[in-house]
PDB file of N, CA and C in Angstrom:
ATOM      1  N   VAL A   1       0.784  -1.032   0.010  1.00  0.00           N
ATOM      2  CA  VAL A   1       0.114   0.029   0.049  1.00  0.00           C
ATOM      3  C   VAL A   1       0.942   1.681  -0.329  1.00  0.00           C
ATOM      4  N   GLN A   2       0.774   2.404  -1.020  1.00  0.00           N
ATOM      5  CA  GLN A   2       1.100   3.416  -1.128  1.00  0.00           C
ATOM      6  C   GLN A   2      -0.008   4.520  -0.852  1.00  0.00           C
ATOM      7  N   LEU A   3       0.729   5.330  -0.177  1.00  0.00           N
ATOM      8  CA  LEU A   3      -0.184   6.352   0.084  1.00  0.00           C
ATOM      9  C   LEU A   3       0.361   7.918  -0.029  1.00  0.00           C
ATOM     10  N   GLN A   4       0.306   8.742  -0.882  1.00  0.00           N
ATOM     11  CA  GLN A   4       0.817   9.607  -1.211  1.00  0.00           C
ATOM     12  C   GLN A   4      -0.072  11.026  -1.082  1.00  0.00           C
ATOM     13  N   ALA A   5       0.383  12.306   0.367  1.00  0.00           N
ATOM     14  CA  ALA A   5      -0.435  12.946   0.518  1.00  0.00           C
ATOM     15  C   ALA A   5      -0.190  14.255  -0.373  1.00  0.00           C
ATOM     16  N   SER A   6      -0.937  15.523  -1.023  1.00  0.00           N
ATOM     17  CA  SER A   6      -0.348  16.654  -1.044  1.00  0.00           C
ATOM     18  C   SER A   6      -1.532  17.674  -1.012  1.00  0.00           C
ATOM     19  N   GLY A   7      -0.531  19.002  -0.865  1.00  0.00           N
ATOM     20  CA  GLY A   7      -1.838  19.791  -0.491  1.00  0.00           C
ATOM     21  C   GLY A   7      -2.294  20.505   0.664  1.00  0.00           C
ATOM     22  N   GLY A   8      -1.011  20.580   0.862  1.00  0.00           N
ATOM     23  CA  GLY A   8      -0.957  21.661   1.951  1.00  0.00           C
ATOM     24  C   GLY A   8      -0.511  22.951   1.620  1.00  0.00           C
ATOM     25  N   GLY A   9       0.024  24.035   2.777  1.00  0.00           N
ATOM     26  CA  GLY A   9       0.694  24.941   2.044  1.00  0.00           C
ATOM     27  C   GLY A   9       0.835  25.600   3.682  1.00  0.00           C
ATOM     28  N   LEU A  10       0.772  26.956   3.383  1.00  0.00           N
ATOM     29  CA  LEU A  10       0.875  28.453   4.249  1.00  0.00           C
ATOM     30  C   LEU A  10      -1.054  28.561   3.556  1.00  0.00           C
ATOM     31  N   VAL A  11      -1.257  29.522   4.889  1.00  0.00           N
ATOM     32  CA  VAL A  11      -2.794  29.849   4.729  1.00  0.00           C
ATOM     33  C   VAL A  11      -3.250  30.324   5.880  1.00  0.00           C
ATOM     34  N   GLN A  12      -3.740  31.888   5.387  1.00  0.00           N
ATOM     35  CA  GLN A  12      -4.453  32.616   6.329  1.00  0.00           C
ATOM     36  C   GLN A  12      -5.889  31.526   7.416  1.00  0.00           C
ATOM     37  N   ALA A  13      -5.386  32.427   8.814  1.00  0.00           N
ATOM     38  CA  ALA A  13      -7.117  32.245   9.148  1.00  0.00           C
ATOM     39  C   ALA A  13      -8.115  32.554   8.901  1.00  0.00           C
ATOM     40  N   GLY A  14      -9.083  31.807   8.568  1.00  0.00           N
ATOM     41  CA  GLY A  14     -10.393  31.725   8.451  1.00  0.00           C
ATOM     42  C   GLY A  14     -10.095  31.508   6.284  1.00  0.00           C
ATOM     43  N   GLY A  15      -9.471  31.091   5.860  1.00  0.00           N
ATOM     44  CA  GLY A  15      -9.515  30.630   4.214  1.00  0.00           C
ATOM     45  C   GLY A  15      -9.357  29.413   5.023  1.00  0.00           C
ATOM     46  N   SER A  16      -9.148  28.501   3.232  1.00  0.00           N
ATOM     47  CA  SER A  16      -9.843  26.893   3.408  1.00  0.00           C
ATOM     48  C   SER A  16      -7.773  26.095   1.944  1.00  0.00           C
ATOM     49  N   LEU A  17      -8.307  24.927   2.587  1.00  0.00           N
ATOM     50  CA  LEU A  17      -6.879  23.631   1.615  1.00  0.00           C
ATOM     51  C   LEU A  17      -8.071  22.876   1.377  1.00  0.00           C
ATOM     52  N   ARG A  18      -7.345  21.898   0.462  1.00  0.00           N
ATOM     53  CA  ARG A  18      -7.757  21.153   0.326  1.00  0.00           C
ATOM     54  C   ARG A  18      -6.841  19.714   0.133  1.00  0.00           C
ATOM     55  N   LEU A  19      -6.965  18.759   0.913  1.00  0.00           N
ATOM     56  CA  LEU A  19      -5.832  17.824   1.096  1.00  0.00           C
ATOM     57  C   LEU A  19      -5.916  16.791   0.293  1.00  0.00           C
ATOM     58  N   SER A  20      -4.858  16.100  -0.838  1.00  0.00           N
ATOM     59  CA  SER A  20      -5.245  15.078  -1.095  1.00  0.00           C
ATOM     60  C   SER A  20      -5.115  13.590  -1.151  1.00  0.00           C
ATOM     61  N   CYS A  21      -4.959  12.444  -1.059  1.00  0.00           N
ATOM     62  CA  CYS A  21      -4.389  11.221  -0.748  1.00  0.00           C
ATOM     63  C   CYS A  21      -4.613  10.120  -2.217  1.00  0.00           C
ATOM     64  N   ALA A  22      -3.775  10.244  -2.364  1.00  0.00           N
ATOM     65  CA  ALA A  22      -3.965   8.749  -3.877  1.00  0.00           C
ATOM     66  C   ALA A  22      -3.307   7.704  -3.182  1.00  0.00           C
ATOM     67  N   ALA A  23      -3.974   7.049  -3.383  1.00  0.00           N
ATOM     68  CA  ALA A  23      -4.001   5.553  -3.060  1.00  0.00           C
ATOM     69  C   ALA A  23      -3.468   4.552  -3.761  1.00  0.00           C
ATOM     70  N   SER A  24      -2.003   3.739  -4.187  1.00  0.00           N
ATOM     71  CA  SER A  24      -1.475   2.579  -5.318  1.00  0.00           C
ATOM     72  C   SER A  24      -1.621   1.706  -4.357  1.00  0.00           C
ATOM     73  N   GLY A  25      -2.083   0.415  -5.420  1.00  0.00           N
ATOM     74  CA  GLY A  25      -1.658  -0.853  -4.944  1.00  0.00           C
ATOM     75  C   GLY A  25      -2.516  -1.778  -4.239  1.00  0.00           C
ATOM     76  N   ILE A  26      -4.019  -0.821  -3.588  1.00  0.00           N
ATOM     77  CA  ILE A  26      -5.046  -1.023  -3.609  1.00  0.00           C
ATOM     78  C   ILE A  26      -5.952  -1.161  -3.950  1.00  0.00           C
ATOM     79  N   LEU A  27      -7.769  -2.030  -3.198  1.00  0.00           N
ATOM     80  CA  LEU A  27      -8.247  -2.054  -3.880  1.00  0.00           C
ATOM     81  C   LEU A  27      -9.023  -1.070  -2.640  1.00  0.00           C
ATOM     82  N   LEU A  28      -9.718   0.436  -2.963  1.00  0.00           N
ATOM     83  CA  LEU A  28     -10.096   1.439  -1.892  1.00  0.00           C
ATOM     84  C   LEU A  28     -10.924   0.621  -1.802  1.00  0.00           C
ATOM     85  N   SER A  29     -12.470  -0.028  -2.054  1.00  0.00           N
ATOM     86  CA  SER A  29     -13.279  -0.362  -1.009  1.00  0.00           C
ATOM     87  C   SER A  29     -13.104  -1.341  -0.399  1.00  0.00           C
ATOM     88  N   ARG A  30     -11.654  -1.995   0.113  1.00  0.00           N
ATOM     89  CA  ARG A  30     -11.917  -2.665   1.412  1.00  0.00           C
ATOM     90  C   ARG A  30     -10.981  -1.772   2.451  1.00  0.00           C
ATOM     91  N   TYR A  31     -10.814  -0.963   2.123  1.00  0.00           N
ATOM     92  CA  TYR A  31     -10.125   0.206   3.425  1.00  0.00           C
ATOM     93  C   TYR A  31     -11.149   1.230   4.251  1.00  0.00           C
ATOM     94  N   ILE A  32     -10.584   1.623   4.729  1.00  0.00           N
ATOM     95  CA  ILE A  32     -11.139   2.792   5.804  1.00  0.00           C
ATOM     96  C   ILE A  32     -10.528   3.597   5.917  1.00  0.00           C
ATOM     97  N   MET A  33     -10.389   4.740   5.292  1.00  0.00           N
ATOM     98  CA  MET A  33      -9.587   5.739   4.426  1.00  0.00           C
ATOM     99  C   MET A  33      -9.746   6.984   6.193  1.00  0.00           C
ATOM    100  N   ALA A  34      -8.848   7.268   6.232  1.00  0.00           N
ATOM    101  CA  ALA A  34      -8.666   8.287   7.332  1.00  0.00           C
ATOM    102  C   ALA A  34      -7.270   9.350   7.343  1.00  0.00           C
ATOM    103  N   TRP A  35      -8.253  10.678   7.719  1.00  0.00           N
ATOM    104  CA  TRP A  35      -6.851  11.766   7.725  1.00  0.00           C
ATOM    105  C   TRP A  35      -6.073  11.476   9.620  1.00  0.00           C
ATOM    106  N   TYR A  36      -5.476  12.284   9.821  1.00  0.00           N
ATOM    107  CA  TYR A  36      -4.124  12.187  11.134  1.00  0.00           C
ATOM    108  C   TYR A  36      -4.003  13.666  10.759  1.00  0.00           C
ATOM    109  N   ARG A  37      -3.672  14.052  12.094  1.00  0.00           N
ATOM    110  CA  ARG A  37      -2.396  15.237  12.298  1.00  0.00           C
ATOM    111  C   ARG A  37      -1.930  15.260  13.691  1.00  0.00           C
ATOM    112  N   GLN A  38      -0.666  16.056  13.253  1.00  0.00           N
ATOM    113  CA  GLN A  38      -0.086  15.588  14.344  1.00  0.00           C
ATOM    114  C   GLN A  38       0.714  16.750  15.042  1.00  0.00           C
ATOM    115  N   ALA A  39       0.279  18.114  15.586  1.00  0.00           N
ATOM    116  CA  ALA A  39       0.836  19.339  16.063  1.00  0.00           C
ATOM    117  C   ALA A  39       2.146  19.603  16.672  1.00  0.00           C
ATOM    118  N   PRO A  40       3.745  19.811  16.389  1.00  0.00           N
ATOM    119  CA  PRO A  40       4.006  20.446  17.558  1.00  0.00           C
ATOM    120  C   PRO A  40       4.500  19.580  18.873  1.00  0.00           C
ATOM    121  N   GLY A  41       4.741  18.546  19.331  1.00  0.00           N
ATOM    122  CA  GLY A  41       4.751  18.711  21.056  1.00  0.00           C
ATOM    123  C   GLY A  41       3.017  17.599  21.113  1.00  0.00           C
ATOM    124  N   LYS A  42       2.945  17.408  20.402  1.00  0.00           N
ATOM    125  CA  LYS A  42       1.636  16.706  20.697  1.00  0.00           C
ATOM    126  C   LYS A  42       1.505  15.584  20.172  1.00  0.00           C
ATOM    127  N   GLN A  43       0.166  14.404  20.529  1.00  0.00           N
ATOM    128  CA  GLN A  43       0.354  13.157  19.953  1.00  0.00           C
ATOM    129  C   GLN A  43      -0.081  13.103  18.701  1.00  0.00           C
ATOM    130  N   ARG A  44      -0.245  12.227  17.832  1.00  0.00           N
ATOM    131  CA  ARG A  44      -1.471  12.227  16.606  1.00  0.00           C
ATOM    132  C   ARG A  44      -2.489  12.190  16.953  1.00  0.00           C
ATOM    133  N   GLU A  45      -3.151  12.547  16.203  1.00  0.00           N
ATOM    134  CA  GLU A  45      -4.718  12.276  16.738  1.00  0.00           C
ATOM    135  C   GLU A  45      -5.839  12.848  15.386  1.00  0.00           C
ATOM    136  N   LEU A  46      -7.169  12.157  15.013  1.00  0.00           N
ATOM    137  CA  LEU A  46      -7.957  11.245  14.292  1.00  0.00           C
ATOM    138  C   LEU A  46      -8.567  12.961  14.462  1.00  0.00           C
ATOM    139  N   VAL A  47      -8.677  13.361  12.526  1.00  0.00           N
ATOM    140  CA  VAL A  47      -9.159  13.794  12.011  1.00  0.00           C
ATOM    141  C   VAL A  47     -10.482  14.109  11.952  1.00  0.00           C
ATOM    142  N   ALA A  48     -11.236  12.987  10.836  1.00  0.00           N
ATOM    143  CA  ALA A  48     -11.614  12.713  10.084  1.00  0.00           C
ATOM    144  C   ALA A  48     -11.757  10.508   9.070  1.00  0.00           C
ATOM    145  N   SER A  49     -12.454  10.292   9.593  1.00  0.00           N
ATOM    146  CA  SER A  49     -12.067   9.003   8.561  1.00  0.00           C
ATOM    147  C   SER A  49     -13.554   8.765   7.089  1.00  0.00           C
ATOM    148  N   ILE A  50     -13.588   7.707   6.524  1.00  0.00           N
ATOM    149  CA  ILE A  50     -15.096   7.635   5.465  1.00  0.00           C
ATOM    150  C   ILE A  50     -14.778   5.758   5.528  1.00  0.00           C
ATOM    151  N   GLU A  51     -15.536   5.463   5.763  1.00  0.00           N
ATOM    152  CA  GLU A  51     -16.103   4.001   5.664  1.00  0.00           C
ATOM    153  C   GLU A  51     -16.201   3.981   4.308  1.00  0.00           C
ATOM    154  N   ASN A  52     -16.152   2.520   3.777  1.00  0.00           N
ATOM    155  CA  ASN A  52     -16.660   2.347   2.088  1.00  0.00           C
ATOM    156  C   ASN A  52     -18.086   2.831   1.777  1.00  0.00           C
ATOM    157  N   THR A  53     -19.154   2.431   2.660  1.00  0.00           N
ATOM    158  CA  THR A  53     -20.546   3.271   2.388  1.00  0.00           C
ATOM    159  C   THR A  53     -20.684   4.262   2.690  1.00  0.00           C
ATOM    160  N   GLY A  54     -19.733   5.092   2.902  1.00  0.00           N
ATOM    161  CA  GLY A  54     -19.743   6.726   3.242  1.00  0.00           C
ATOM    162  C   GLY A  54     -19.640   7.370   4.549  1.00  0.00           C
ATOM    163  N   ALA A  55     -20.067   6.453   5.009  1.00  0.00           N
ATOM    164  CA  ALA A  55     -19.915   7.128   6.655  1.00  0.00           C
ATOM    165  C   ALA A  55     -19.289   7.544   7.620  1.00  0.00           C
ATOM    166  N   THR A  56     -19.041   8.766   8.046  1.00  0.00           N
ATOM    167  CA  THR A  56     -17.710   9.763   8.786  1.00  0.00           C
ATOM    168  C   THR A  56     -18.006   9.665  10.111  1.00  0.00           C
ATOM    169  N   ARG A  57     -16.726  10.171  10.718  1.00  0.00           N
ATOM    170  CA  ARG A  57     -16.536  10.353  11.596  1.00  0.00           C
ATOM    171  C   ARG A  57     -15.251  11.168  11.830  1.00  0.00           C
ATOM    172  N   TYR A  58     -15.432  12.071  12.395  1.00  0.00           N
ATOM    173  CA  TYR A  58     -14.977  13.519  12.952  1.00  0.00           C
ATOM    174  C   TYR A  58     -14.626  13.647  14.067  1.00  0.00           C
ATOM    175  N   GLY A  59     -12.909  14.444  14.220  1.00  0.00           N
ATOM    176  CA  GLY A  59     -12.455  14.619  15.493  1.00  0.00           C
ATOM    177  C   GLY A  59     -13.337  15.924  15.700  1.00  0.00           C
ATOM    178  N   ASP A  60     -13.774  16.475  16.864  1.00  0.00           N
ATOM    179  CA  ASP A  60     -15.445  17.362  18.151  1.00  0.00           C
ATOM    180  C   ASP A  60     -14.171  18.722  17.358  1.00  0.00           C
ATOM    181  N   SER A  61     -12.817  18.712  17.317  1.00  0.00           N
ATOM    182  CA  SER A  61     -12.046  20.226  16.667  1.00  0.00           C
ATOM    183  C   SER A  61     -12.594  20.519  15.709  1.00  0.00           C
ATOM    184  N   VAL A  62     -12.772  19.596  14.650  1.00  0.00           N
ATOM    185  CA  VAL A  62     -13.078  20.099  13.240  1.00  0.00           C
ATOM    186  C   VAL A  62     -14.256  20.204  12.540  1.00  0.00           C
ATOM    187  N   LYS A  63     -15.096  18.949  13.490  1.00  0.00           N
ATOM    188  CA  LYS A  63     -16.738  18.993  13.069  1.00  0.00           C
ATOM    189  C   LYS A  63     -17.403  20.498  12.312  1.00  0.00           C
ATOM    190  N   SER A  64     -18.232  20.229  11.417  1.00  0.00           N
ATOM    191  CA  SER A  64     -18.519  21.723  11.055  1.00  0.00           C
ATOM    192  C   SER A  64     -17.515  22.035   9.537  1.00  0.00           C
ATOM    193  N   ARG A  65     -16.076  22.144   9.982  1.00  0.00           N
ATOM    194  CA  ARG A  65     -15.659  22.682   9.652  1.00  0.00           C
ATOM    195  C   ARG A  65     -14.910  21.839   7.597  1.00  0.00           C
ATOM    196  N   PHE A  66     -14.798  20.468   8.333  1.00  0.00           N
ATOM    197  CA  PHE A  66     -13.611  20.119   7.584  1.00  0.00           C
ATOM    198  C   PHE A  66     -15.042  18.709   7.073  1.00  0.00           C
ATOM    199  N   THR A  67     -14.863  18.050   5.849  1.00  0.00           N
ATOM    200  CA  THR A  67     -15.443  17.661   4.694  1.00  0.00           C
ATOM    201  C   THR A  67     -14.472  16.147   4.462  1.00  0.00           C
ATOM    202  N   ILE A  68     -15.015  15.171   5.093  1.00  0.00           N
ATOM    203  CA  ILE A  68     -13.842  14.047   4.151  1.00  0.00           C
ATOM    204  C   ILE A  68     -14.960  13.126   2.901  1.00  0.00           C
ATOM    205  N   SER A  69     -13.773  12.831   2.367  1.00  0.00           N
ATOM    206  CA  SER A  69     -15.069  12.490   0.962  1.00  0.00           C
ATOM    207  C   SER A  69     -14.402  11.627   0.165  1.00  0.00           C
ATOM    208  N   ARG A  70     -14.452  10.748  -0.645  1.00  0.00           N
ATOM    209  CA  ARG A  70     -13.717   9.715  -1.411  1.00  0.00           C
ATOM    210  C   ARG A  70     -14.151   9.243  -2.633  1.00  0.00           C
ATOM    211  N   ASP A  71     -13.192   9.091  -3.546  1.00  0.00           N
ATOM    212  CA  ASP A  71     -13.425   8.242  -5.139  1.00  0.00           C
ATOM    213  C   ASP A  71     -12.657   7.125  -5.186  1.00  0.00           C
ATOM    214  N   ASN A  72     -13.157   5.733  -5.225  1.00  0.00           N
ATOM    215  CA  ASN A  72     -13.039   4.479  -5.749  1.00  0.00           C
ATOM    216  C   ASN A  72     -12.054   3.816  -6.439  1.00  0.00           C
ATOM    217  N   ALA A  73     -13.213   4.742  -7.831  1.00  0.00           N
ATOM    218  CA  ALA A  73     -12.942   4.356  -8.657  1.00  0.00           C
ATOM    219  C   ALA A  73     -11.008   5.433  -9.107  1.00  0.00           C
ATOM    220  N   LYS A  74     -10.979   6.305  -9.054  1.00  0.00           N
ATOM    221  CA  LYS A  74      -9.466   6.877  -8.839  1.00  0.00           C
ATOM    222  C   LYS A  74      -9.010   6.949  -7.847  1.00  0.00           C
ATOM    223  N   ARG A  75      -9.514   6.126  -7.120  1.00  0.00           N
ATOM    224  CA  ARG A  75      -8.122   5.720  -4.913  1.00  0.00           C
ATOM    225  C   ARG A  75      -8.235   7.125  -4.682  1.00  0.00           C
ATOM    226  N   THR A  76      -8.801   7.771  -4.641  1.00  0.00           N
ATOM    227  CA  THR A  76      -8.212   9.158  -3.959  1.00  0.00           C
ATOM    228  C   THR A  76      -9.531   9.186  -2.485  1.00  0.00           C
ATOM    229  N   VAL A  77      -8.822  10.485  -1.579  1.00  0.00           N
ATOM    230  CA  VAL A  77      -9.677  10.454  -0.274  1.00  0.00           C
ATOM    231  C   VAL A  77      -9.160  11.760  -0.080  1.00  0.00           C
ATOM    232  N   ASP A  78      -9.753  12.799   0.139  1.00  0.00           N
ATOM    233  CA  ASP A  78     -10.460  14.593   0.254  1.00  0.00           C
ATOM    234  C   ASP A  78     -10.528  15.166   1.281  1.00  0.00           C
ATOM    235  N   LEU A  79      -9.698  15.827   1.768  1.00  0.00           N
ATOM    236  CA  LEU A  79      -9.949  16.759   2.762  1.00  0.00           C
ATOM    237  C   LEU A  79      -9.837  17.931   2.814  1.00  0.00           C
ATOM    238  N   GLN A  80     -11.025  18.220   2.560  1.00  0.00           N
ATOM    239  CA  GLN A  80     -10.930  19.944   2.446  1.00  0.00           C
ATOM    240  C   GLN A  80     -11.773  20.707   3.770  1.00  0.00           C
ATOM    241  N   MET A  81     -10.694  21.261   3.602  1.00  0.00           N
ATOM    242  CA  MET A  81     -10.730  22.361   5.124  1.00  0.00           C
ATOM    243  C   MET A  81     -11.463  23.256   5.093  1.00  0.00           C
ATOM    244  N   ASN A  82     -12.036  24.237   5.864  1.00  0.00           N
ATOM    245  CA  ASN A  82     -12.762  25.607   6.083  1.00  0.00           C
ATOM    246  C   ASN A  82     -12.427  25.885   6.909  1.00  0.00           C
ATOM    247  N   SER A  83     -12.877  27.390   6.939  1.00  0.00           N
ATOM    248  CA  SER A  83     -12.563  28.249   8.900  1.00  0.00           C
ATOM    249  C   SER A  83     -11.288  28.030   8.937  1.00  0.00           C
ATOM    250  N   LEU A  84      -9.979  27.607   8.845  1.00  0.00           N
ATOM    251  CA  LEU A  84      -8.775  26.873   9.535  1.00  0.00           C
ATOM    252  C   LEU A  84      -8.625  28.062  10.253  1.00  0.00           C
ATOM    253  N   LYS A  85      -8.251  27.636  11.069  1.00  0.00           N
ATOM    254  CA  LYS A  85      -7.636  28.220  12.409  1.00  0.00           C
ATOM    255  C   LYS A  85      -5.779  28.008  13.103  1.00  0.00           C
ATOM    256  N   PRO A  86      -5.445  28.391  13.550  1.00  0.00           N
ATOM    257  CA  PRO A  86      -4.133  28.361  13.885  1.00  0.00           C
ATOM    258  C   PRO A  86      -3.534  27.191  13.777  1.00  0.00           C
ATOM    259  N   GLU A  87      -4.578  27.246  15.205  1.00  0.00           N
ATOM    260  CA  GLU A  87      -4.509  25.090  16.088  1.00  0.00           C
ATOM    261  C   GLU A  87      -4.636  24.460  15.168  1.00  0.00           C
ATOM    262  N   ASP A  88      -5.313  25.122  13.862  1.00  0.00           N
ATOM    263  CA  ASP A  88      -4.879  24.020  12.328  1.00  0.00           C
ATOM    264  C   ASP A  88      -3.067  23.245  12.583  1.00  0.00           C
ATOM    265  N   THR A  89      -2.895  24.290  12.462  1.00  0.00           N
ATOM    266  CA  THR A  89      -1.394  23.956  12.023  1.00  0.00           C
ATOM    267  C   THR A  89      -1.281  22.693  12.197  1.00  0.00           C
ATOM    268  N   ALA A  90      -0.308  21.653  11.438  1.00  0.00           N
ATOM    269  CA  ALA A  90       0.192  20.151  11.587  1.00  0.00           C
ATOM    270  C   ALA A  90       0.342  19.878  10.876  1.00  0.00           C
ATOM    271  N   VAL A  91       1.187  18.455  10.714  1.00  0.00           N
ATOM    272  CA  VAL A  91       1.563  17.659   9.453  1.00  0.00           C
ATOM    273  C   VAL A  91       0.103  16.867   9.446  1.00  0.00           C
ATOM    274  N   TYR A  92      -0.239  16.278   8.522  1.00  0.00           N
ATOM    275  CA  TYR A  92      -1.372  15.677   7.880  1.00  0.00           C
ATOM    276  C   TYR A  92      -1.006  14.678   7.191  1.00  0.00           C
ATOM    277  N   TYR A  93      -1.309  13.462   7.973  1.00  0.00           N
ATOM    278  CA  TYR A  93      -1.415  12.261   7.625  1.00  0.00           C
ATOM    279  C   TYR A  93      -2.736  11.144   7.213  1.00  0.00           C
ATOM    280  N   CYS A  94      -2.457  10.803   6.188  1.00  0.00           N
ATOM    281  CA  CYS A  94      -3.122  10.151   4.924  1.00  0.00           C
ATOM    282  C   CYS A  94      -3.359   8.148   6.018  1.00  0.00           C
ATOM    283  N   ASN A  95      -4.175   7.779   5.867  1.00  0.00           N
ATOM    284  CA  ASN A  95      -4.197   6.703   6.900  1.00  0.00           C
ATOM    285  C   ASN A  95      -5.322   5.476   5.920  1.00  0.00           C
ATOM    286  N   SER A  96      -4.565   4.314   6.062  1.00  0.00           N
ATOM    287  CA  SER A  96      -5.513   3.131   5.519  1.00  0.00           C
ATOM    288  C   SER A  96      -5.788   2.053   6.893  1.00  0.00           C
ATOM    289  N   LYS A  97      -6.843   1.805   6.405  1.00  0.00           N
ATOM    290  CA  LYS A  97      -7.419   0.624   7.043  1.00  0.00           C
ATOM    291  C   LYS A  97      -8.135  -0.336   6.763  1.00  0.00           C
ATOM    292  N   ASN A  98      -7.674  -2.187   6.156  1.00  0.00           N
ATOM    293  CA  ASN A  98      -8.295  -2.470   5.875  1.00  0.00           C
ATOM    294  C   ASN A  98      -8.606  -4.014   6.614  1.00  0.00           C
ATOM    295  N   ARG A  99     -10.323  -3.560   5.970  1.00  0.00           N
ATOM    296  CA  ARG A  99     -11.872  -4.042   7.027  1.00  0.00           C
ATOM    297  C   ARG A  99     -11.015  -4.991   7.143  1.00  0.00           C
ATOM    298  N   TYR A 100     -10.989  -6.216   6.485  1.00  0.00           N
ATOM    299  CA  TYR A 100     -10.524  -8.012   6.755  1.00  0.00           C
ATOM    300  C   TYR A 100      -9.565  -8.152   6.917  1.00  0.00           C
ATOM    301  N   THR A 101      -8.341  -7.469   6.603  1.00  0.00           N
ATOM    302  CA  THR A 101      -7.121  -7.753   7.937  1.00  0.00           C
ATOM    303  C   THR A 101      -7.183  -6.914   9.288  1.00  0.00           C
ATOM    304  N   SER A 102      -7.459  -5.841   8.946  1.00  0.00           N
ATOM    305  CA  SER A 102      -6.914  -4.829  10.209  1.00  0.00           C
ATOM    306  C   SER A 102      -5.415  -4.003  10.026  1.00  0.00           C
ATOM    307  N   ASN A 103      -4.719  -4.913   8.540  1.00  0.00           N
ATOM    308  CA  ASN A 103      -3.484  -3.354   8.445  1.00  0.00           C
ATOM    309  C   ASN A 103      -3.648  -2.393   8.217  1.00  0.00           C
ATOM    310  N   VAL A 104      -2.413  -1.775   8.945  1.00  0.00           N
ATOM    311  CA  VAL A 104      -3.070   0.205   8.755  1.00  0.00           C
ATOM    312  C   VAL A 104      -1.464   0.630   7.843  1.00  0.00           C
ATOM    313  N   SER A 105      -1.933   0.813   7.179  1.00  0.00           N
ATOM    314  CA  SER A 105      -0.841   1.695   6.202  1.00  0.00           C
ATOM    315  C   SER A 105      -1.008   3.896   6.174  1.00  0.00           C
ATOM    316  N   TRP A 106       0.720   4.527   6.333  1.00  0.00           N
ATOM    317  CA  TRP A 106       0.774   5.537   6.421  1.00  0.00           C
ATOM    318  C   TRP A 106       0.876   5.902   5.263  1.00  0.00           C
ATOM    319  N   GLY A 107       0.721   7.516   4.880  1.00  0.00           N
ATOM    320  CA  GLY A 107       1.374   8.147   4.137  1.00  0.00           C
ATOM    321  C   GLY A 107       2.476   9.315   4.759  1.00  0.00           C
ATOM    322  N   GLN A 108       2.658  10.230   4.065  1.00  0.00           N
ATOM    323  CA  GLN A 108       4.278  10.630   4.454  1.00  0.00           C
ATOM    324  C   GLN A 108       3.871  11.448   4.742  1.00  0.00           C
ATOM    325  N   GLY A 109       2.486  12.479   5.127  1.00  0.00           N
ATOM    326  CA  GLY A 109       2.511  13.118   5.478  1.00  0.00           C
ATOM    327  C   GLY A 109       2.368  14.962   4.913  1.00  0.00           C
ATOM    328  N   THR A 110       1.337  15.684   5.044  1.00  0.00           N
ATOM    329  CA  THR A 110       1.588  17.149   3.969  1.00  0.00           C
ATOM    330  C   THR A 110       1.736  17.974   5.276  1.00  0.00           C
ATOM    331  N   LEU A 111       2.526  19.281   5.499  1.00  0.00           N
ATOM    332  CA  LEU A 111       2.501  20.195   5.980  1.00  0.00           C
ATOM    333  C   LEU A 111       1.130  21.226   6.316  1.00  0.00           C
ATOM    334  N   VAL A 112       0.139  21.735   6.987  1.00  0.00           N
ATOM    335  CA  VAL A 112      -0.432  22.586   6.737  1.00  0.00           C
ATOM    336  C   VAL A 112       0.064  23.745   7.866  1.00  0.00           C
ATOM    337  N   THR A 113       0.343  24.674   7.437  1.00  0.00           N
ATOM    338  CA  THR A 113      -0.238  25.017   8.384  1.00  0.00           C
ATOM    339  C   THR A 113      -0.794  27.246   8.589  1.00  0.00           C
ATOM    340  N   VAL A 114      -1.731  27.173   9.400  1.00  0.00           N
ATOM    341  CA  VAL A 114      -2.407  28.511   9.632  1.00  0.00           C
ATOM    342  C   VAL A 114      -1.585  29.546  10.463  1.00  0.00           C
ATOM    343  N   SER A 115      -1.341  30.992   9.758  1.00  0.00           N
ATOM    344  CA  SER A 115      -1.274  32.238  10.941  1.00  0.00           C
ATOM    345  C   SER A 115      -2.258  32.773  10.959  1.00  0.00           C
ATOM    346  N   SER A 116      -1.708  33.340  11.506  1.00  0.00           N
ATOM    347  CA  SER A 116      -2.907  33.714  12.414  1.00  0.00           C
ATOM    348  C   SER A 116      -3.009  36.016  12.245  1.00  0.00           C
TER     349      SER A 116
END
């Protein structure tokens, strides 16, 4: 499994960014896909996850601001981030979990910096 995250960058508070994760070597429908983030000095935390059914789950701090989506045919998982806050600054990681084997894979991370 290879996961390639992209779309990070520098944005002002209140702005938007869209992250994309391209998966290769897998049949995406077999995987729960998610985005995690890790801020300096903090533990990695779940941002959002999406099942193959489309069911989603969000971290409390991003609910109503972020939206996760997936396209199994294109093997991509996107994270639309709106109303960004300085506390959203972190390295964002794409994650996959096989629904049958529970094997987990991580992408390389993409840095999001939100300036105040």
